[in-house]
Amino acid sequence: MTAATASTPPAPRCALCDGVGGLAVWESDWMRLVRADEALHPATYRLVWQRHVAEFTDLPRLQRLACMDALVLVEQELRAALQPHKLNLASLGNLVPHLHWHVIPRWEWDAHWPQAVWAAPQRGPDDARLQAVRERLPQLDRRLQAALALRFDPGATAQITRE
């Protein structure tokens, strides 16, 4: 080992570069949509940029526009399919500095309402309502995949990819 190699720190590992980051729903060359399947928020999706960049402003203009277009489409589909009281969008990346957006439908009955999903729960889970949401997710995954494929790759055949 050379002196230069010994002093060079290893590249940090990135969970979103090393793995899918959830249940794969759709992907393109630029981005992918995964369902996070959080226990108390099973309809949480993440729009993940394929290439490792930390900030939205690291993307060229055309890619920023495509990312926002995809984010709007995902929000619209979730609102139409699930009718949440509110839909939260977040791009934090403090622990995983790889550009990704959280798309989180919220209901007044959810365990964290009205606080953020990362805050302490405000009440116990409503298991019956959570199960009702879970039962709708396979159809929603197909709907999201078809809408994203039509928008970003109109010649592609819509197929759901599973991890």
C-alpha atoms as a PDB file:
ATOM      1  CA  MET A   1       0.000   0.000   0.000  1.00  0.00           C
ATOM      2  CA  THR A   2       1.369   3.422  -0.908  1.00  0.00           C
ATOM      3  CA  ALA A   3       1.456   6.375   1.461  1.00  0.00           C
ATOM      4  CA  ALA A   4      -1.183   8.172  -0.672  1.00  0.00           C
ATOM      5  CA  THR A   5      -3.519   5.183  -0.529  1.00  0.00           C
ATOM      6  CA  ALA A   6      -3.070   4.779   3.221  1.00  0.00           C
ATOM      7  CA  SER A   7      -4.037   8.417   3.880  1.00  0.00           C
ATOM      8  CA  THR A   8      -7.063   8.474   1.538  1.00  0.00           C
ATOM      9  CA  PRO A   9     -10.239   7.867   3.515  1.00  0.00           C
ATOM     10  CA  PRO A  10     -12.639   5.317   2.034  1.00  0.00           C
ATOM     11  CA  ALA A  11     -15.619   6.719   0.165  1.00  0.00           C
ATOM     12  CA  PRO A  12     -18.680   6.920   2.414  1.00  0.00           C
ATOM     13  CA  ARG A  13     -21.334   4.285   1.806  1.00  0.00           C
ATOM     14  CA  CYS A  14     -24.692   5.468   0.515  1.00  0.00           C
ATOM     15  CA  ALA A  15     -27.802   3.417   1.244  1.00  0.00           C
ATOM     16  CA  LEU A  16     -29.560   4.753  -1.867  1.00  0.00           C
ATOM     17  CA  CYS A  17     -26.572   4.021  -4.129  1.00  0.00           C
ATOM     18  CA  ASP A  18     -26.070   0.560  -2.620  1.00  0.00           C
ATOM     19  CA  GLY A  19     -29.740  -0.469  -2.575  1.00  0.00           C
ATOM     20  CA  VAL A  20     -33.149   0.280  -4.052  1.00  0.00           C
ATOM     21  CA  GLY A  21     -34.441   1.973  -0.896  1.00  0.00           C
ATOM     22  CA  GLY A  22     -37.817   0.263  -0.718  1.00  0.00           C
ATOM     23  CA  LEU A  23     -40.205  -1.741  -2.840  1.00  0.00           C
ATOM     24  CA  ALA A  24     -39.385  -0.800  -6.455  1.00  0.00           C
ATOM     25  CA  VAL A  25     -42.373   0.584  -8.343  1.00  0.00           C
ATOM     26  CA  TRP A  26     -40.833   2.334 -11.394  1.00  0.00           C
ATOM     27  CA  GLU A  27     -37.477   3.497 -12.652  1.00  0.00           C
ATOM     28  CA  SER A  28     -35.890   5.445 -15.470  1.00  0.00           C
ATOM     29  CA  ASP A  29     -32.340   6.456 -16.240  1.00  0.00           C
ATOM     30  CA  TRP A  30     -32.695   9.538 -14.029  1.00  0.00           C
ATOM     31  CA  MET A  31     -34.916   8.488 -11.120  1.00  0.00           C
ATOM     32  CA  ARG A  32     -36.864   5.705  -9.459  1.00  0.00           C
ATOM     33  CA  LEU A  33     -39.993   5.502  -7.351  1.00  0.00           C
ATOM     34  CA  VAL A  34     -40.079   3.151  -4.392  1.00  0.00           C
ATOM     35  CA  ARG A  35     -42.683   2.456  -1.738  1.00  0.00           C
ATOM     36  CA  ALA A  36     -41.107   2.737   1.684  1.00  0.00           C
ATOM     37  CA  ASP A  37     -43.838   0.660   3.362  1.00  0.00           C
ATOM     38  CA  GLU A  38     -43.453   2.314   6.746  1.00  0.00           C
ATOM     39  CA  ALA A  39     -45.451   0.498   9.440  1.00  0.00           C
ATOM     40  CA  LEU A  40     -47.476   3.540  10.526  1.00  0.00           C
ATOM     41  CA  HIS A  41     -47.433   5.196   7.080  1.00  0.00           C
ATOM     42  CA  PRO A  42     -47.614   2.337   4.547  1.00  0.00           C
ATOM     43  CA  ALA A  43     -48.377   4.614   1.581  1.00  0.00           C
ATOM     44  CA  THR A  44     -45.076   6.506   1.929  1.00  0.00           C
ATOM     45  CA  TYR A  45     -43.219   6.706  -1.375  1.00  0.00           C
ATOM     46  CA  ARG A  46     -39.748   7.982  -2.192  1.00  0.00           C
ATOM     47  CA  LEU A  47     -38.707   9.501  -5.487  1.00  0.00           C
ATOM     48  CA  VAL A  48     -34.966   8.768  -5.608  1.00  0.00           C
ATOM     49  CA  TRP A  49     -32.471  10.303  -8.018  1.00  0.00           C
ATOM     50  CA  GLN A  50     -30.450   7.496  -9.658  1.00  0.00           C
ATOM     51  CA  ARG A  51     -27.091   9.313  -9.646  1.00  0.00           C
ATOM     52  CA  HIS A  52     -25.559  10.282  -6.330  1.00  0.00           C
ATOM     53  CA  VAL A  53     -26.104  13.988  -5.806  1.00  0.00           C
ATOM     54  CA  ALA A  54     -26.749  15.603  -2.451  1.00  0.00           C
ATOM     55  CA  GLU A  55     -28.820  18.627  -3.383  1.00  0.00           C
ATOM     56  CA  PHE A  56     -31.626  19.412  -5.804  1.00  0.00           C
ATOM     57  CA  THR A  57     -29.591  22.345  -7.128  1.00  0.00           C
ATOM     58  CA  ASP A  58     -26.838  19.894  -8.159  1.00  0.00           C
ATOM     59  CA  LEU A  59     -29.079  18.839 -11.063  1.00  0.00           C
ATOM     60  CA  PRO A  60     -29.060  20.592 -14.427  1.00  0.00           C
ATOM     61  CA  ARG A  61     -32.239  22.560 -15.196  1.00  0.00           C
ATOM     62  CA  LEU A  62     -33.832  19.906 -17.448  1.00  0.00           C
ATOM     63  CA  GLN A  63     -33.322  17.224 -14.805  1.00  0.00           C
ATOM     64  CA  ARG A  64     -34.740  19.482 -12.069  1.00  0.00           C
ATOM     65  CA  LEU A  65     -37.836  20.046 -14.210  1.00  0.00           C
ATOM     66  CA  ALA A  66     -38.214  16.312 -14.863  1.00  0.00           C
ATOM     67  CA  CYS A  67     -37.840  15.568 -11.152  1.00  0.00           C
ATOM     68  CA  MET A  68     -40.491  18.139 -10.211  1.00  0.00           C
ATOM     69  CA  ASP A  69     -42.791  16.845 -12.957  1.00  0.00           C
ATOM     70  CA  ALA A  70     -42.471  13.313 -11.567  1.00  0.00           C
ATOM     71  CA  LEU A  71     -43.040  14.545  -8.007  1.00  0.00           C
ATOM     72  CA  VAL A  72     -46.212  16.384  -9.058  1.00  0.00           C
ATOM     73  CA  LEU A  73     -47.465  13.302 -10.879  1.00  0.00           C
ATOM     74  CA  VAL A  74     -46.863  11.069  -7.834  1.00  0.00           C
ATOM     75  CA  GLU A  75     -48.636  13.568  -5.559  1.00  0.00           C
ATOM     76  CA  GLN A  76     -51.614  13.775  -7.925  1.00  0.00           C
ATOM     77  CA  GLU A  77     -51.942  10.000  -8.171  1.00  0.00           C
ATOM     78  CA  LEU A  78     -51.744   9.528  -4.391  1.00  0.00           C
ATOM     79  CA  ARG A  79     -54.331  12.231  -3.777  1.00  0.00           C
ATOM     80  CA  ALA A  80     -56.700  10.756  -6.352  1.00  0.00           C
ATOM     81  CA  ALA A  81     -56.322   7.167  -5.162  1.00  0.00           C
ATOM     82  CA  LEU A  82     -56.206   7.643  -1.386  1.00  0.00           C
ATOM     83  CA  GLN A  83     -57.911  11.004  -0.671  1.00  0.00           C
ATOM     84  CA  PRO A  84     -55.624  11.902   2.257  1.00  0.00           C
ATOM     85  CA  HIS A  85     -56.394  14.942   4.402  1.00  0.00           C
ATOM     86  CA  LYS A  86     -52.938  16.306   3.503  1.00  0.00           C
ATOM     87  CA  LEU A  87     -49.942  15.196   1.511  1.00  0.00           C
ATOM     88  CA  ASN A  88     -46.444  15.913   2.874  1.00  0.00           C
ATOM     89  CA  LEU A  89     -43.407  16.356   0.628  1.00  0.00           C
ATOM     90  CA  ALA A  90     -39.941  16.381   2.123  1.00  0.00           C
ATOM     91  CA  SER A  91     -36.407  16.336   0.815  1.00  0.00           C
ATOM     92  CA  LEU A  92     -34.156  16.174   3.844  1.00  0.00           C
ATOM     93  CA  GLY A  93     -31.149  13.955   3.323  1.00  0.00           C
ATOM     94  CA  ASN A  94     -29.434  14.718   6.615  1.00  0.00           C
ATOM     95  CA  LEU A  95     -28.730  11.044   7.328  1.00  0.00           C
ATOM     96  CA  VAL A  96     -28.725   9.905   3.675  1.00  0.00           C
ATOM     97  CA  PRO A  97     -27.276  12.780   1.615  1.00  0.00           C
ATOM     98  CA  HIS A  98     -28.548  11.369  -1.680  1.00  0.00           C
ATOM     99  CA  LEU A  99     -31.273  13.384  -3.416  1.00  0.00           C
ATOM    100  CA  HIS A 100     -34.668  11.841  -2.708  1.00  0.00           C
ATOM    101  CA  TRP A 101     -38.153  13.106  -1.997  1.00  0.00           C
ATOM    102  CA  HIS A 102     -40.514  11.618   0.581  1.00  0.00           C
ATOM    103  CA  VAL A 103     -44.163  11.671  -0.541  1.00  0.00           C
ATOM    104  CA  ILE A 104     -46.333  10.959   2.491  1.00  0.00           C
ATOM    105  CA  PRO A 105     -50.137  10.900   2.509  1.00  0.00           C
ATOM    106  CA  ARG A 106     -51.492  12.028   5.882  1.00  0.00           C
ATOM    107  CA  TRP A 107     -54.810  11.494   7.589  1.00  0.00           C
ATOM    108  CA  GLU A 108     -56.216  13.091  10.716  1.00  0.00           C
ATOM    109  CA  TRP A 109     -56.451   9.575  12.183  1.00  0.00           C
ATOM    110  CA  ASP A 110     -52.788   8.667  11.645  1.00  0.00           C
ATOM    111  CA  ALA A 111     -50.645   8.068  14.712  1.00  0.00           C
ATOM    112  CA  HIS A 112     -48.507  11.198  14.198  1.00  0.00           C
ATOM    113  CA  TRP A 113     -51.167  13.713  13.078  1.00  0.00           C
ATOM    114  CA  PRO A 114     -50.759  16.696  13.140  1.00  0.00           C
ATOM    115  CA  GLN A 115     -47.015  16.359  13.808  1.00  0.00           C
ATOM    116  CA  ALA A 116     -44.410  15.213  11.292  1.00  0.00           C
ATOM    117  CA  VAL A 117     -44.142  11.464  10.716  1.00  0.00           C
ATOM    118  CA  TRP A 118     -40.689  11.602  12.322  1.00  0.00           C
ATOM    119  CA  ALA A 119     -42.059  13.064  15.575  1.00  0.00           C
ATOM    120  CA  ALA A 120     -43.330  11.067  18.530  1.00  0.00           C
ATOM    121  CA  PRO A 121     -46.701   9.401  17.873  1.00  0.00           C
ATOM    122  CA  GLN A 122     -49.691  11.339  19.188  1.00  0.00           C
ATOM    123  CA  ARG A 123     -51.911   8.250  19.557  1.00  0.00           C
ATOM    124  CA  GLY A 124     -51.908   4.522  18.878  1.00  0.00           C
ATOM    125  CA  PRO A 125     -52.256   3.205  15.338  1.00  0.00           C
ATOM    126  CA  ASP A 126     -55.681   2.685  13.774  1.00  0.00           C
ATOM    127  CA  ASP A 127     -55.018  -0.858  12.552  1.00  0.00           C
ATOM    128  CA  ALA A 128     -58.251  -1.188  10.550  1.00  0.00           C
ATOM    129  CA  ARG A 129     -57.630   2.016   8.593  1.00  0.00           C
ATOM    130  CA  LEU A 130     -53.956   1.165   8.070  1.00  0.00           C
ATOM    131  CA  GLN A 131     -54.971  -2.234   6.688  1.00  0.00           C
ATOM    132  CA  ALA A 132     -57.487  -0.596   4.348  1.00  0.00           C
ATOM    133  CA  VAL A 133     -54.688   1.637   2.997  1.00  0.00           C
ATOM    134  CA  ARG A 134     -52.326  -1.354   2.618  1.00  0.00           C
ATOM    135  CA  GLU A 135     -54.928  -3.241   0.576  1.00  0.00           C
ATOM    136  CA  ARG A 136     -55.069  -0.402  -1.962  1.00  0.00           C
ATOM    137  CA  LEU A 137     -51.301  -0.170  -2.489  1.00  0.00           C
ATOM    138  CA  PRO A 138     -50.713  -2.874  -5.137  1.00  0.00           C
ATOM    139  CA  GLN A 139     -53.265  -1.200  -7.414  1.00  0.00           C
ATOM    140  CA  LEU A 140     -51.784   2.217  -6.621  1.00  0.00           C
ATOM    141  CA  ASP A 141     -48.292   0.921  -7.471  1.00  0.00           C
ATOM    142  CA  ARG A 142     -49.567  -0.181 -10.897  1.00  0.00           C
ATOM    143  CA  ARG A 143     -51.300   3.145 -11.424  1.00  0.00           C
ATOM    144  CA  LEU A 144     -48.144   5.088 -10.514  1.00  0.00           C
ATOM    145  CA  GLN A 145     -45.975   2.930 -12.707  1.00  0.00           C
ATOM    146  CA  ALA A 146     -48.251   3.329 -15.703  1.00  0.00           C
ATOM    147  CA  ALA A 147     -48.536   7.115 -15.262  1.00  0.00           C
ATOM    148  CA  LEU A 148     -44.780   7.585 -14.841  1.00  0.00           C
ATOM    149  CA  ALA A 149     -43.949   5.290 -17.764  1.00  0.00           C
ATOM    150  CA  LEU A 150     -46.411   7.144 -19.984  1.00  0.00           C
ATOM    151  CA  ARG A 151     -44.935  10.520 -18.997  1.00  0.00           C
ATOM    152  CA  PHE A 152     -41.244   9.630 -19.071  1.00  0.00           C
ATOM    153  CA  ASP A 153     -40.992   6.654 -21.439  1.00  0.00           C
ATOM    154  CA  PRO A 154     -44.136   6.526 -23.584  1.00  0.00           C
ATOM    155  CA  GLY A 155     -42.780   3.612 -25.644  1.00  0.00           C
ATOM    156  CA  ALA A 156     -42.135   1.411 -22.599  1.00  0.00           C
ATOM    157  CA  THR A 157     -44.362  -1.394 -21.455  1.00  0.00           C
ATOM    158  CA  ALA A 158     -45.663  -0.903 -17.941  1.00  0.00           C
ATOM    159  CA  GLN A 159     -44.409  -3.625 -15.595  1.00  0.00           C
ATOM    160  CA  ILE A 160     -43.983  -3.467 -11.848  1.00  0.00           C
ATOM    161  CA  THR A 161     -40.508  -4.389 -10.674  1.00  0.00           C
ATOM    162  CA  ARG A 162     -40.259  -6.124  -7.290  1.00  0.00           C
ATOM    163  CA  GLU A 163     -37.145  -6.185  -5.102  1.00  0.00           C
END
